[in-house]
Amino acid sequence: MTHKVRTIQFGSYQYDFWYGKHVISQLSSWFAKQDTMPSSFVLIADTGIPPRILEETSMELGRVGNVHVLRFEPGEEHKNLATVAQLCEQVIGLGADRRTVMVAVGGGVTGNIAGMVAGMLFRGLPLIHVPTTLMAASDSVLSLKQAVNLSSGKNLVGFYYAPRIVCVELGYITSLPVREIRAGLCEVVKNILTIAPEESERFKAIFRSDHHYHTSELGDIIDFCIRAKSTVMREDPFEKKSGLILEYGHTIGHALELASKGQYNHGESVAFGMLCAARIAEKLGLLSREAVNLHYELLNQIGAWIQPSQELLPAIEHILHSDNKRGYRQNRTGYTGMVLLQGLGQPAMQHESYITLVPNELIHEVMQEQIRLKQSVVS
């Protein structure tokens, strides 16, 4: 066998997770073990996906049934209900029925859009993920969350919906641009800091500035993320309790990602959010200087320390008011709920909640400091 097989178990939800070299050429064999054969497949991908990936996936699924391909414009600005509605109409126009399988081919944006289409049509069609980015392969497909953006905030409209199988072709990941690899590693760093800090030394030896990783190393990275996320999601499939730790760095990160309109990708934005969260926790007396420095050390090693422009701050702060974690704690004027750490691998608890209410003035102060901070001053 040329691929690894894992069973993902989040609560009562279970799905297969395949990853390896040439794994895409074995996807058709999975259907031979299923009770019901698909009537057709609809591949959903953005227009930036290389044609060879769509051709290889289409050819493999064509061994099972008819394959159609639908495309949409790439980018967070197209991750919205308008794109979902347009794709739903196109799927119906292709003659889809309840045995039509939706196949998401691409990164996290594509996975969420296709997940929304699959979950809504006929009140739920089978969903397959073929992630083509490290971010998607190690993070977004290891979740039941399917959501799209509104103009006022990220991921405000959606639901929970599980795929039937995830198929990660590591050959697609190794050919990614360096920036895409770096983005995925930002979420790996998050998992180290929040769930498995004992792995930090091992990953310091793996991370390289050129980001040229062997498929075996990428497989190890994905395997680590499966184990880390399963630790907090096995009994919390909807990420409302222990799974909330996975939102670390995302409150400010999501706001920056939306405010920058594509200037910073998800990983880079979360990296900035984690550095801000660490500084806030330090100022609140929750996190040690040593723990804060590990944030900088790991993110520096993968080249993910960004410093947005001062001009973005008003937009970031405006978007923070619509963060999708609002409501986990009773809202309080002048405060924003954030996931913080009180130690490496230890989420901060406030009134039995993983969400800490932070004064908006402190958030503003820390973001200002982080933007002005010279990288050389951090050891």
Protein backbone atom coordinates (compact mmCIF):
# COMPACT_ATOMS: atom_id res chain seq x y z
CA MET A 1 0.00 0.00 0.00
CA THR A 2 1.36 3.43 -0.96
CA HIS A 3 -0.82 5.47 1.36
CA LYS A 4 -1.75 5.75 5.01
CA VAL A 5 -5.30 5.32 6.24
CA ARG A 6 -6.69 6.97 9.35
CA THR A 7 -10.19 6.95 10.76
CA ILE A 8 -11.25 10.37 12.00
CA GLN A 9 -13.65 10.19 14.94
CA PHE A 10 -15.25 13.38 16.18
CA GLY A 11 -18.10 12.49 18.51
CA SER A 12 -20.51 10.27 16.58
CA TYR A 13 -19.07 11.45 13.24
CA GLN A 14 -16.57 9.21 11.48
CA TYR A 15 -14.81 9.42 8.15
CA ASP A 16 -11.81 7.98 6.35
CA PHE A 17 -8.64 9.99 5.84
CA TRP A 18 -6.16 8.80 3.20
CA TYR A 19 -2.81 10.45 2.55
CA GLY A 20 0.32 9.54 0.66
CA LYS A 21 2.08 9.60 -2.69
CA HIS A 22 -0.10 8.53 -5.65
CA VAL A 23 -3.09 8.13 -3.32
CA ILE A 24 -5.39 9.88 -5.81
CA SER A 25 -5.02 6.93 -8.18
CA GLN A 26 -6.58 4.65 -5.57
CA LEU A 27 -9.64 6.74 -4.73
CA SER A 28 -11.97 4.77 -7.01
CA SER A 29 -11.27 1.62 -4.99
CA TRP A 30 -12.91 3.21 -1.94
CA PHE A 31 -16.32 3.16 -3.64
CA ALA A 32 -16.19 -0.60 -4.19
CA LYS A 33 -16.59 -1.01 -0.42
CA GLN A 34 -19.63 1.29 -0.14
CA ASP A 35 -23.26 0.18 0.00
CA THR A 36 -24.47 2.66 -2.64
CA MET A 37 -22.69 3.61 -5.84
CA PRO A 38 -22.75 7.29 -6.91
CA SER A 39 -24.84 8.32 -9.90
CA SER A 40 -22.34 11.07 -10.77
CA PHE A 41 -19.65 13.36 -9.38
CA VAL A 42 -19.44 17.15 -9.37
CA LEU A 43 -15.93 18.49 -8.84
CA ILE A 44 -15.89 22.00 -7.37
CA ALA A 45 -12.65 23.95 -7.73
CA ASP A 46 -11.52 27.53 -8.10
CA THR A 47 -10.04 28.72 -11.38
CA GLY A 48 -6.53 28.71 -9.95
CA ILE A 49 -6.27 24.94 -9.53
CA PRO A 50 -3.77 23.45 -12.03
CA PRO A 51 -5.58 21.60 -14.85
CA ARG A 52 -3.57 18.41 -14.27
CA ILE A 53 -5.01 18.04 -10.76
CA LEU A 54 -8.56 18.25 -12.09
CA GLU A 55 -7.70 15.90 -14.94
CA GLU A 56 -6.19 13.28 -12.64
CA THR A 57 -9.06 13.48 -10.16
CA SER A 58 -11.67 13.38 -12.94
CA MET A 59 -10.01 10.42 -14.61
CA GLU A 60 -9.89 8.44 -11.38
CA LEU A 61 -13.51 9.16 -10.41
CA GLY A 62 -14.56 8.53 -14.02
CA ARG A 63 -13.89 4.85 -13.35
CA VAL A 64 -16.94 4.95 -11.08
CA GLY A 65 -19.38 7.38 -12.73
CA ASN A 66 -19.87 10.49 -14.83
CA VAL A 67 -17.82 13.49 -13.74
CA HIS A 68 -18.68 17.19 -14.09
CA VAL A 69 -16.43 20.11 -13.16
CA LEU A 70 -17.61 23.48 -11.84
CA ARG A 71 -15.28 26.44 -11.26
CA PHE A 72 -15.51 29.68 -9.28
CA GLU A 73 -13.22 32.68 -8.83
CA PRO A 74 -10.56 32.20 -6.12
CA GLY A 75 -10.14 34.28 -2.98
CA GLU A 76 -11.84 35.09 0.32
CA GLU A 77 -13.94 37.75 -1.43
CA HIS A 78 -15.75 34.96 -3.30
CA LYS A 79 -16.29 32.81 -0.20
CA ASN A 80 -19.89 33.94 0.22
CA LEU A 81 -23.52 32.93 -0.18
CA ALA A 82 -23.66 34.28 -3.73
CA THR A 83 -21.00 31.79 -4.86
CA VAL A 84 -22.73 28.95 -2.99
CA ALA A 85 -26.11 29.80 -4.55
CA GLN A 86 -24.64 30.00 -8.06
CA LEU A 87 -22.96 26.62 -7.67
CA CYS A 88 -26.13 25.04 -6.28
CA GLU A 89 -28.06 26.20 -9.35
CA GLN A 90 -25.35 24.82 -11.64
CA VAL A 91 -25.31 21.45 -9.86
CA ILE A 92 -29.07 21.13 -10.27
CA GLY A 93 -28.72 22.18 -13.90
CA LEU A 94 -26.40 19.21 -14.43
CA GLY A 95 -29.20 16.84 -13.44
CA ALA A 96 -27.90 15.99 -9.96
CA ASP A 97 -29.86 13.62 -7.75
CA ARG A 98 -29.53 12.29 -4.20
CA ARG A 99 -26.67 9.97 -5.22
CA THR A 100 -24.56 12.73 -6.75
CA VAL A 101 -21.28 13.21 -4.89
CA MET A 102 -19.75 16.67 -4.33
CA VAL A 103 -15.95 16.68 -4.54
CA ALA A 104 -14.01 19.66 -3.17
CA VAL A 105 -10.69 19.99 -5.00
CA GLY A 106 -8.53 22.78 -3.61
CA GLY A 107 -7.76 24.69 -0.44
CA GLY A 108 -9.78 25.67 2.59
CA VAL A 109 -11.99 28.18 0.77
CA THR A 110 -12.99 25.55 -1.78
CA GLY A 111 -13.59 22.98 0.96
CA ASN A 112 -15.96 25.31 2.78
CA ILE A 113 -17.86 26.36 -0.34
CA ALA A 114 -18.25 22.78 -1.57
CA GLY A 115 -19.17 21.69 1.94
CA MET A 116 -21.97 24.25 2.01
CA VAL A 117 -23.22 23.10 -1.41
CA ALA A 118 -23.13 19.44 -0.35
CA GLY A 119 -24.87 20.05 2.97
CA MET A 120 -27.66 22.17 1.49
CA LEU A 121 -28.64 20.36 -1.72
CA PHE A 122 -31.29 17.67 -1.19
CA ARG A 123 -30.68 18.32 2.55
CA GLY A 124 -27.32 16.62 2.28
CA LEU A 125 -25.28 15.06 -0.51
CA PRO A 126 -22.12 12.96 -0.03
CA LEU A 127 -18.98 15.09 0.28
CA ILE A 128 -15.39 14.19 -0.58
CA HIS A 129 -12.39 16.39 0.11
CA VAL A 130 -9.33 16.36 -2.14
CA PRO A 131 -7.25 19.08 -0.42
CA THR A 132 -4.44 20.54 -2.51
CA THR A 133 -2.87 22.85 0.09
CA LEU A 134 -1.06 22.01 3.32
CA MET A 135 -3.45 24.32 5.17
CA ALA A 136 -6.47 22.36 3.98
CA ALA A 137 -4.85 18.94 4.39
CA SER A 138 -3.64 19.54 7.95
CA ASP A 139 -6.37 21.81 9.29
CA SER A 140 -9.63 22.67 7.53
CA VAL A 141 -10.60 19.13 6.48
CA LEU A 142 -9.97 18.02 10.06
CA SER A 143 -13.16 19.77 11.11
CA LEU A 144 -16.90 19.46 10.59
CA LYS A 145 -17.32 23.20 10.13
CA GLN A 146 -18.59 24.44 6.77
CA ALA A 147 -19.05 28.19 6.52
CA VAL A 148 -18.79 31.26 4.29
CA ASN A 149 -18.27 34.94 4.97
CA LEU A 150 -20.51 37.96 5.24
CA SER A 151 -19.20 41.47 4.60
CA SER A 152 -19.17 42.02 8.38
CA GLY A 153 -17.09 38.97 9.29
CA LYS A 154 -15.58 35.59 8.45
CA ASN A 155 -17.44 32.30 8.63
CA LEU A 156 -20.65 33.80 10.02
CA VAL A 157 -22.98 31.60 7.93
CA GLY A 158 -22.68 27.83 7.97
CA PHE A 159 -23.25 24.51 9.71
CA TYR A 160 -21.52 21.28 10.68
CA TYR A 161 -21.25 18.60 8.00
CA ALA A 162 -18.91 15.63 7.72
CA PRO A 163 -17.23 14.35 4.54
CA ARG A 164 -17.29 10.67 3.63
CA ILE A 165 -13.56 10.57 2.89
CA VAL A 166 -10.57 12.90 2.68
CA CYS A 167 -7.93 12.03 0.06
CA VAL A 168 -4.62 13.92 0.36
CA GLU A 169 -2.27 13.49 -2.59
CA LEU A 170 1.10 14.49 -1.14
CA GLY A 171 2.47 15.00 -4.64
CA TYR A 172 0.17 18.03 -4.93
CA ILE A 173 1.42 19.45 -1.64
CA THR A 174 5.13 19.20 -2.50
CA SER A 175 4.59 21.32 -5.61
CA LEU A 176 3.04 24.24 -3.69
CA PRO A 177 4.66 27.70 -3.60
CA VAL A 178 6.67 28.40 -0.43
CA ARG A 179 4.08 30.87 0.84
CA GLU A 180 1.37 28.19 0.74
CA ILE A 181 3.54 25.74 2.67
CA ARG A 182 4.32 28.44 5.24
CA ALA A 183 0.61 29.20 5.67
CA GLY A 184 -0.13 25.58 6.54
CA LEU A 185 2.77 25.45 8.99
CA CYS A 186 1.26 28.38 10.92
CA GLU A 187 -1.59 26.09 11.97
CA VAL A 188 0.96 23.39 12.84
CA VAL A 189 2.66 25.90 15.15
CA LYS A 190 -0.74 26.66 16.69
CA ASN A 191 -1.24 22.95 17.45
CA ILE A 192 2.20 22.79 19.07
CA LEU A 193 1.61 25.83 21.26
CA THR A 194 -1.95 24.96 22.32
CA ILE A 195 -2.07 21.15 22.42
CA ALA A 196 1.35 19.48 22.15
CA PRO A 197 4.19 21.77 23.32
CA GLU A 198 6.29 18.66 23.99
CA GLU A 199 6.64 18.38 20.20
CA SER A 200 8.31 21.79 19.82
CA GLU A 201 11.90 20.48 19.77
CA ARG A 202 11.07 17.81 17.20
CA PHE A 203 9.51 20.37 14.89
CA LYS A 204 12.37 22.81 15.33
CA ALA A 205 14.49 20.10 13.71
CA ILE A 206 11.94 19.60 10.90
CA PHE A 207 11.13 23.22 9.98
CA ARG A 208 13.36 24.67 7.26
CA SER A 209 13.52 28.17 5.85
CA ASP A 210 13.37 26.99 2.23
CA HIS A 211 10.27 24.88 2.98
CA HIS A 212 11.37 22.06 0.70
CA TYR A 213 9.97 19.06 2.54
CA HIS A 214 9.98 15.41 1.54
CA THR A 215 6.62 13.67 1.20
CA SER A 216 7.48 11.60 4.29
CA GLU A 217 7.96 14.82 6.31
CA LEU A 218 4.68 16.24 5.03
CA GLY A 219 3.03 12.96 5.98
CA ASP A 220 4.47 13.29 9.50
CA ILE A 221 3.17 16.86 9.73
CA ILE A 222 -0.33 15.80 8.70
CA ASP A 223 -0.23 12.82 11.06
CA PHE A 224 0.72 15.15 13.93
CA CYS A 225 -2.20 17.46 13.13
CA ILE A 226 -4.61 14.52 13.06
CA ARG A 227 -3.44 13.42 16.49
CA ALA A 228 -3.46 16.94 17.94
CA LYS A 229 -6.91 17.89 16.68
CA SER A 230 -8.36 14.50 17.64
CA THR A 231 -7.17 15.11 21.20
CA VAL A 232 -9.50 18.08 21.64
CA MET A 233 -12.28 17.15 19.18
CA ARG A 234 -12.88 13.48 19.90
CA GLU A 235 -15.50 14.39 22.52
CA ASP A 236 -16.21 17.88 21.18
CA PRO A 237 -17.07 17.58 17.48
CA PHE A 238 -18.62 21.06 17.27
CA GLU A 239 -15.58 22.77 18.86
CA LYS A 240 -17.59 24.51 21.57
CA LYS A 241 -15.69 23.29 24.63
CA SER A 242 -12.16 21.83 24.56
CA GLY A 243 -12.12 22.26 20.77
CA LEU A 244 -12.32 26.03 21.19
CA ILE A 245 -8.56 26.02 21.72
CA LEU A 246 -8.30 25.54 17.95
CA GLU A 247 -9.52 29.14 17.63
CA TYR A 248 -6.29 30.40 19.18
CA GLY A 249 -5.02 33.39 17.21
CA HIS A 250 -8.16 33.41 15.07
CA THR A 251 -10.06 36.31 16.65
CA ILE A 252 -7.53 38.92 15.53
CA GLY A 253 -6.35 36.67 12.68
CA HIS A 254 -9.74 36.42 11.01
CA ALA A 255 -10.23 40.19 11.33
CA LEU A 256 -6.84 40.88 9.74
CA GLU A 257 -7.47 38.38 6.94
CA LEU A 258 -10.78 40.03 6.05
CA ALA A 259 -9.55 43.61 6.53
CA SER A 260 -6.46 43.08 4.34
CA LYS A 261 -8.60 41.85 1.42
CA GLY A 262 -6.16 39.14 0.42
CA GLN A 263 -2.88 40.88 1.31
CA TYR A 264 -2.36 38.31 4.07
CA ASN A 265 -3.50 34.70 3.83
CA HIS A 266 -5.12 32.71 6.62
CA GLY A 267 -1.92 31.28 8.04
CA GLU A 268 -0.10 34.61 8.09
CA SER A 269 -3.09 36.31 9.70
CA VAL A 270 -3.39 33.63 12.39
CA ALA A 271 0.35 33.97 13.06
CA PHE A 272 -0.15 37.67 13.77
CA GLY A 273 -3.19 36.80 15.90
CA MET A 274 -1.20 34.29 17.95
CA LEU A 275 1.60 36.77 18.63
CA CYS A 276 -0.96 39.34 19.77
CA ALA A 277 -2.76 36.75 21.92
CA ALA A 278 0.53 35.76 23.56
CA ARG A 279 1.41 39.39 24.35
CA ILE A 280 -2.09 40.02 25.74
CA ALA A 281 -1.84 36.93 27.95
CA GLU A 282 1.55 38.09 29.18
CA LYS A 283 0.20 41.53 30.08
CA LEU A 284 -2.69 39.87 31.93
CA GLY A 285 -0.21 37.83 33.96
CA LEU A 286 -1.24 34.54 32.34
CA LEU A 287 1.75 33.64 30.17
CA SER A 288 5.47 33.64 30.91
CA ARG A 289 8.07 35.49 28.83
CA GLU A 290 9.59 32.12 27.94
CA ALA A 291 6.27 30.88 26.53
CA VAL A 292 5.80 34.13 24.58
CA ASN A 293 9.29 33.82 23.12
CA LEU A 294 8.54 30.31 21.86
CA HIS A 295 5.73 31.84 19.77
CA TYR A 296 8.23 34.18 18.13
CA GLU A 297 10.90 31.50 17.77
CA LEU A 298 8.68 29.00 15.96
CA LEU A 299 6.99 31.58 13.74
CA ASN A 300 10.34 33.16 12.91
CA GLN A 301 11.71 29.76 11.95
CA ILE A 302 8.99 29.26 9.34
CA GLY A 303 9.19 32.91 8.21
CA ALA A 304 5.64 33.77 9.28
CA TRP A 305 6.14 36.85 11.42
CA ILE A 306 4.24 39.60 9.60
CA GLN A 307 3.73 43.23 10.60
CA PRO A 308 0.60 44.73 9.00
CA SER A 309 0.36 48.43 8.27
CA GLN A 310 -1.04 50.89 10.80
CA GLU A 311 -3.78 51.81 8.31
CA LEU A 312 -5.43 48.38 8.71
CA LEU A 313 -6.06 48.77 12.45
CA PRO A 314 -9.44 50.58 12.28
CA ALA A 315 -10.86 47.95 9.92
CA ILE A 316 -9.47 45.10 12.06
CA GLU A 317 -11.04 46.55 15.20
CA HIS A 318 -14.37 47.09 13.46
CA ILE A 319 -14.48 43.47 12.29
CA LEU A 320 -13.59 42.20 15.78
CA HIS A 321 -17.06 43.27 16.91
CA SER A 322 -18.57 40.59 14.61
CA ASP A 323 -16.23 37.73 15.55
CA ASN A 324 -17.98 34.37 15.18
CA LYS A 325 -17.21 33.39 18.79
CA ARG A 326 -19.54 36.07 20.17
CA GLY A 327 -22.11 34.49 22.47
CA TYR A 328 -19.89 31.86 24.06
CA ARG A 329 -19.67 34.43 26.85
CA GLN A 330 -22.20 37.13 27.66
CA ASN A 331 -21.22 40.22 25.71
CA ARG A 332 -19.74 43.09 27.68
CA THR A 333 -19.36 46.58 26.26
CA GLY A 334 -15.73 47.47 25.65
CA TYR A 335 -14.52 43.87 25.71
CA THR A 336 -13.83 41.19 23.08
CA GLY A 337 -13.81 37.46 23.79
CA MET A 338 -10.55 35.69 22.90
CA VAL A 339 -8.93 32.30 23.35
CA LEU A 340 -5.78 32.80 25.44
CA LEU A 341 -3.16 30.54 27.00
CA GLN A 342 -2.16 30.45 30.66
CA GLY A 343 0.74 28.19 29.79
CA LEU A 344 1.94 26.20 26.80
CA GLY A 345 -0.73 23.59 26.08
CA GLN A 346 -2.97 25.14 28.76
CA PRO A 347 -5.95 27.24 27.68
CA ALA A 348 -6.88 30.09 29.99
CA MET A 349 -10.18 29.64 31.81
CA GLN A 350 -12.41 32.53 32.84
CA HIS A 351 -15.65 31.72 34.64
CA GLU A 352 -15.46 28.11 33.41
CA SER A 353 -15.12 29.25 29.79
CA TYR A 354 -12.25 28.97 27.31
CA ILE A 355 -13.16 32.49 26.17
CA THR A 356 -11.48 35.32 28.09
CA LEU A 357 -13.01 38.79 27.89
CA VAL A 358 -10.20 41.20 27.00
CA PRO A 359 -10.52 45.02 27.18
CA ASN A 360 -10.58 46.50 23.70
CA GLU A 361 -8.03 49.09 24.83
CA LEU A 362 -5.56 46.31 25.61
CA ILE A 363 -6.14 44.64 22.23
CA HIS A 364 -5.51 47.98 20.52
CA GLU A 365 -2.36 48.58 22.56
CA VAL A 366 -0.91 45.16 21.79
CA MET A 367 -1.67 45.34 18.07
CA GLN A 368 0.02 48.75 17.95
CA GLU A 369 3.07 47.33 19.72
CA GLN A 370 3.20 44.29 17.48
CA ILE A 371 3.10 46.39 14.34
CA ARG A 372 5.97 48.58 15.59
CA LEU A 373 8.04 45.78 17.12
CA LYS A 374 11.41 45.16 15.51
CA GLN A 375 12.02 41.47 14.92
CA SER A 376 15.58 41.74 16.18
CA VAL A 377 14.47 42.67 19.71
CA VAL A 378 12.89 39.28 20.33
CA SER A 379 15.30 36.54 21.30
